[in-house]
Amino acid sequence: MSLAKLSKKKVHEEIKREARVLGLHAGTAEIIADKVTDKVMAWSKKRSMITENDLNQKLAREIKKYNEDLAYLFESKDKII
């Protein structure tokens, strides 16, 4: 994925969308999204290119600090179960 396509807003909204799938409280989802988005955007600035899988794995690692079920959703994206 070109880093030009990666935006803070898209990452933030994706985290909140997945949190809603799990039924997390909106305030909790917002806090997790705020903290994780900042970490992921800082991480992405050190790279010239990342894959969608790289992004999902980084999101999962950061989210796991706050909610393991939400992290699992990102770990499992695009995998056949």
N, C-alpha and C. Protein backbone atom coordinates (compact mmCIF):
# COMPACT_ATOMS: atom_id res chain seq x y z
N MET A 1 0.85 -1.17 0.00
CA MET A 1 0.00 0.00 0.00
C MET A 1 0.89 1.23 0.00
N SER A 2 0.59 2.12 -0.88
CA SER A 2 1.31 3.38 -0.90
C SER A 2 0.96 4.16 0.36
N LEU A 3 1.93 4.76 0.96
CA LEU A 3 1.67 5.54 2.17
C LEU A 3 0.79 6.74 1.88
N ALA A 4 0.74 7.14 0.61
CA ALA A 4 -0.13 8.26 0.25
C ALA A 4 -1.60 7.90 0.48
N LYS A 5 -1.93 6.60 0.37
CA LYS A 5 -3.31 6.16 0.57
C LYS A 5 -3.65 5.98 2.04
N LEU A 6 -2.65 5.92 2.88
CA LEU A 6 -2.86 5.71 4.32
C LEU A 6 -3.12 7.06 4.97
N SER A 7 -4.29 7.18 5.56
CA SER A 7 -4.58 8.44 6.24
C SER A 7 -4.96 8.17 7.68
N LYS A 8 -4.67 9.12 8.51
CA LYS A 8 -4.98 9.01 9.93
C LYS A 8 -6.48 8.81 10.12
N LYS A 9 -7.26 9.52 9.36
CA LYS A 9 -8.71 9.43 9.49
C LYS A 9 -9.20 8.03 9.12
N LYS A 10 -8.68 7.45 8.03
CA LYS A 10 -9.10 6.11 7.62
C LYS A 10 -8.75 5.06 8.67
N VAL A 11 -7.55 5.15 9.22
CA VAL A 11 -7.13 4.20 10.25
C VAL A 11 -8.03 4.33 11.47
N HIS A 12 -8.25 5.56 11.90
CA HIS A 12 -9.08 5.84 13.07
C HIS A 12 -10.49 5.28 12.88
N GLU A 13 -11.09 5.52 11.73
CA GLU A 13 -12.45 5.06 11.45
C GLU A 13 -12.52 3.54 11.36
N GLU A 14 -11.50 2.92 10.79
CA GLU A 14 -11.47 1.46 10.69
C GLU A 14 -11.45 0.81 12.08
N ILE A 15 -10.68 1.36 12.97
CA ILE A 15 -10.62 0.83 14.34
C ILE A 15 -11.99 0.97 15.00
N LYS A 16 -12.59 2.14 14.88
CA LYS A 16 -13.90 2.36 15.49
C LYS A 16 -14.98 1.45 14.87
N ARG A 17 -14.91 1.25 13.57
CA ARG A 17 -15.88 0.39 12.90
C ARG A 17 -15.78 -1.05 13.43
N GLU A 18 -14.57 -1.56 13.55
CA GLU A 18 -14.38 -2.92 14.06
C GLU A 18 -14.78 -3.01 15.53
N ALA A 19 -14.55 -1.96 16.28
CA ALA A 19 -14.94 -1.95 17.69
C ALA A 19 -16.46 -2.02 17.82
N ARG A 20 -17.17 -1.35 16.91
CA ARG A 20 -18.64 -1.41 16.93
C ARG A 20 -19.13 -2.82 16.63
N VAL A 21 -18.42 -3.53 15.75
CA VAL A 21 -18.78 -4.92 15.44
C VAL A 21 -18.76 -5.75 16.72
N LEU A 22 -17.81 -5.48 17.59
CA LEU A 22 -17.70 -6.21 18.86
C LEU A 22 -18.64 -5.69 19.93
N GLY A 23 -19.27 -4.57 19.67
CA GLY A 23 -20.19 -3.99 20.65
C GLY A 23 -19.49 -3.21 21.74
N LEU A 24 -18.28 -2.74 21.47
CA LEU A 24 -17.58 -1.92 22.47
C LEU A 24 -18.28 -0.57 22.62
N HIS A 25 -18.24 -0.04 23.80
CA HIS A 25 -18.80 1.28 24.08
C HIS A 25 -18.11 2.31 23.19
N ALA A 26 -18.87 3.27 22.69
CA ALA A 26 -18.33 4.27 21.77
C ALA A 26 -17.15 5.03 22.37
N GLY A 27 -17.24 5.36 23.66
CA GLY A 27 -16.15 6.08 24.31
C GLY A 27 -14.88 5.24 24.38
N THR A 28 -15.04 3.96 24.66
CA THR A 28 -13.89 3.05 24.70
C THR A 28 -13.26 2.92 23.33
N ALA A 29 -14.10 2.77 22.31
CA ALA A 29 -13.61 2.65 20.95
C ALA A 29 -12.85 3.90 20.53
N GLU A 30 -13.35 5.05 20.93
CA GLU A 30 -12.70 6.32 20.58
C GLU A 30 -11.32 6.43 21.23
N ILE A 31 -11.22 6.06 22.49
CA ILE A 31 -9.94 6.12 23.20
C ILE A 31 -8.93 5.18 22.56
N ILE A 32 -9.35 3.94 22.28
CA ILE A 32 -8.46 2.97 21.65
C ILE A 32 -8.02 3.49 20.29
N ALA A 33 -8.96 3.98 19.50
CA ALA A 33 -8.65 4.49 18.16
C ALA A 33 -7.67 5.66 18.23
N ASP A 34 -7.87 6.56 19.16
CA ASP A 34 -6.95 7.70 19.30
C ASP A 34 -5.53 7.24 19.59
N LYS A 35 -5.38 6.37 20.59
CA LYS A 35 -4.06 5.93 21.00
C LYS A 35 -3.37 5.10 19.93
N VAL A 36 -4.10 4.18 19.34
CA VAL A 36 -3.52 3.27 18.35
C VAL A 36 -3.20 4.00 17.05
N THR A 37 -4.08 4.88 16.62
CA THR A 37 -3.84 5.61 15.37
C THR A 37 -2.55 6.41 15.44
N ASP A 38 -2.30 7.09 16.55
CA ASP A 38 -1.07 7.86 16.68
C ASP A 38 0.16 6.96 16.57
N LYS A 39 0.12 5.80 17.22
CA LYS A 39 1.26 4.87 17.17
C LYS A 39 1.48 4.34 15.76
N VAL A 40 0.39 3.95 15.11
CA VAL A 40 0.49 3.38 13.77
C VAL A 40 0.97 4.41 12.76
N MET A 41 0.49 5.62 12.86
CA MET A 41 0.94 6.66 11.92
C MET A 41 2.42 6.97 12.11
N ALA A 42 2.89 7.00 13.36
CA ALA A 42 4.31 7.23 13.62
C ALA A 42 5.13 6.08 13.04
N TRP A 43 4.67 4.85 13.21
CA TRP A 43 5.34 3.67 12.67
C TRP A 43 5.40 3.74 11.14
N SER A 44 4.31 4.15 10.51
CA SER A 44 4.25 4.16 9.05
C SER A 44 5.19 5.21 8.44
N LYS A 45 5.47 6.26 9.17
CA LYS A 45 6.34 7.32 8.64
C LYS A 45 7.78 6.83 8.46
N LYS A 46 8.14 5.74 9.12
CA LYS A 46 9.49 5.19 9.02
C LYS A 46 9.63 4.24 7.83
N ARG A 47 8.58 4.07 7.05
CA ARG A 47 8.58 3.13 5.94
C ARG A 47 8.21 3.83 4.64
N SER A 48 8.80 3.33 3.56
CA SER A 48 8.47 3.91 2.26
C SER A 48 7.23 3.25 1.67
N MET A 49 6.94 2.02 2.13
CA MET A 49 5.78 1.30 1.64
C MET A 49 5.42 0.22 2.65
N ILE A 50 4.12 -0.05 2.78
CA ILE A 50 3.68 -1.13 3.66
C ILE A 50 2.57 -1.91 2.97
N THR A 51 2.45 -3.17 3.32
CA THR A 51 1.35 -3.96 2.78
C THR A 51 0.15 -3.82 3.71
N GLU A 52 -1.00 -4.20 3.20
CA GLU A 52 -2.19 -4.16 4.05
C GLU A 52 -2.03 -5.14 5.21
N ASN A 53 -1.37 -6.27 4.95
CA ASN A 53 -1.12 -7.23 6.01
C ASN A 53 -0.20 -6.63 7.08
N ASP A 54 0.84 -5.91 6.65
CA ASP A 54 1.72 -5.23 7.62
C ASP A 54 0.91 -4.29 8.51
N LEU A 55 0.04 -3.53 7.88
CA LEU A 55 -0.78 -2.57 8.61
C LEU A 55 -1.69 -3.29 9.61
N ASN A 56 -2.36 -4.32 9.16
CA ASN A 56 -3.27 -5.05 10.06
C ASN A 56 -2.52 -5.69 11.22
N GLN A 57 -1.34 -6.22 10.97
CA GLN A 57 -0.56 -6.83 12.04
C GLN A 57 -0.08 -5.78 13.04
N LYS A 58 0.33 -4.62 12.55
CA LYS A 58 0.74 -3.53 13.45
C LYS A 58 -0.46 -3.05 14.27
N LEU A 59 -1.60 -2.89 13.61
CA LEU A 59 -2.81 -2.50 14.33
C LEU A 59 -3.14 -3.53 15.41
N ALA A 60 -3.05 -4.81 15.07
CA ALA A 60 -3.36 -5.86 16.05
C ALA A 60 -2.43 -5.79 17.25
N ARG A 61 -1.13 -5.61 17.00
CA ARG A 61 -0.16 -5.53 18.12
C ARG A 61 -0.45 -4.36 19.03
N GLU A 62 -0.78 -3.22 18.46
CA GLU A 62 -1.05 -2.03 19.28
C GLU A 62 -2.40 -2.15 20.00
N ILE A 63 -3.41 -2.66 19.31
CA ILE A 63 -4.74 -2.78 19.90
C ILE A 63 -4.75 -3.82 21.01
N LYS A 64 -3.92 -4.84 20.90
CA LYS A 64 -3.88 -5.91 21.90
C LYS A 64 -3.59 -5.36 23.30
N LYS A 65 -2.92 -4.23 23.38
CA LYS A 65 -2.63 -3.59 24.67
C LYS A 65 -3.91 -3.14 25.37
N TYR A 66 -4.98 -2.97 24.60
CA TYR A 66 -6.23 -2.43 25.13
C TYR A 66 -7.39 -3.44 25.09
N ASN A 67 -7.43 -4.27 24.02
CA ASN A 67 -8.54 -5.19 23.88
C ASN A 67 -8.14 -6.36 22.97
N GLU A 68 -8.05 -7.55 23.54
CA GLU A 68 -7.59 -8.71 22.77
C GLU A 68 -8.57 -9.16 21.70
N ASP A 69 -9.86 -9.04 21.96
CA ASP A 69 -10.85 -9.44 20.96
C ASP A 69 -10.78 -8.53 19.73
N LEU A 70 -10.64 -7.26 19.96
CA LEU A 70 -10.52 -6.31 18.84
C LEU A 70 -9.23 -6.57 18.07
N ALA A 71 -8.16 -6.85 18.77
CA ALA A 71 -6.90 -7.17 18.11
C ALA A 71 -7.05 -8.41 17.23
N TYR A 72 -7.78 -9.39 17.71
CA TYR A 72 -7.98 -10.62 16.95
C TYR A 72 -8.67 -10.34 15.61
N LEU A 73 -9.59 -9.40 15.59
CA LEU A 73 -10.26 -9.06 14.33
C LEU A 73 -9.24 -8.57 13.29
N PHE A 74 -8.26 -7.78 13.74
CA PHE A 74 -7.25 -7.29 12.81
C PHE A 74 -6.24 -8.37 12.44
N GLU A 75 -5.92 -9.24 13.37
CA GLU A 75 -5.01 -10.36 13.09
C GLU A 75 -5.62 -11.29 12.05
N SER A 76 -6.93 -11.42 12.07
CA SER A 76 -7.62 -12.39 11.23
C SER A 76 -8.14 -11.84 9.91
N LYS A 77 -7.95 -10.57 9.66
CA LYS A 77 -8.47 -9.98 8.41
C LYS A 77 -7.91 -10.72 7.20
N ASP A 78 -8.78 -10.97 6.25
CA ASP A 78 -8.43 -11.61 4.97
C ASP A 78 -7.93 -13.03 5.12
N LYS A 79 -8.28 -13.67 6.21
CA LYS A 79 -7.92 -15.09 6.39
C LYS A 79 -9.20 -15.90 6.35
N ILE A 80 -9.11 -17.02 5.70
CA ILE A 80 -10.25 -17.92 5.63
C ILE A 80 -10.30 -18.73 6.92
N ILE A 81 -11.46 -18.75 7.55
CA ILE A 81 -11.61 -19.49 8.81
C ILE A 81 -12.56 -20.64 8.58
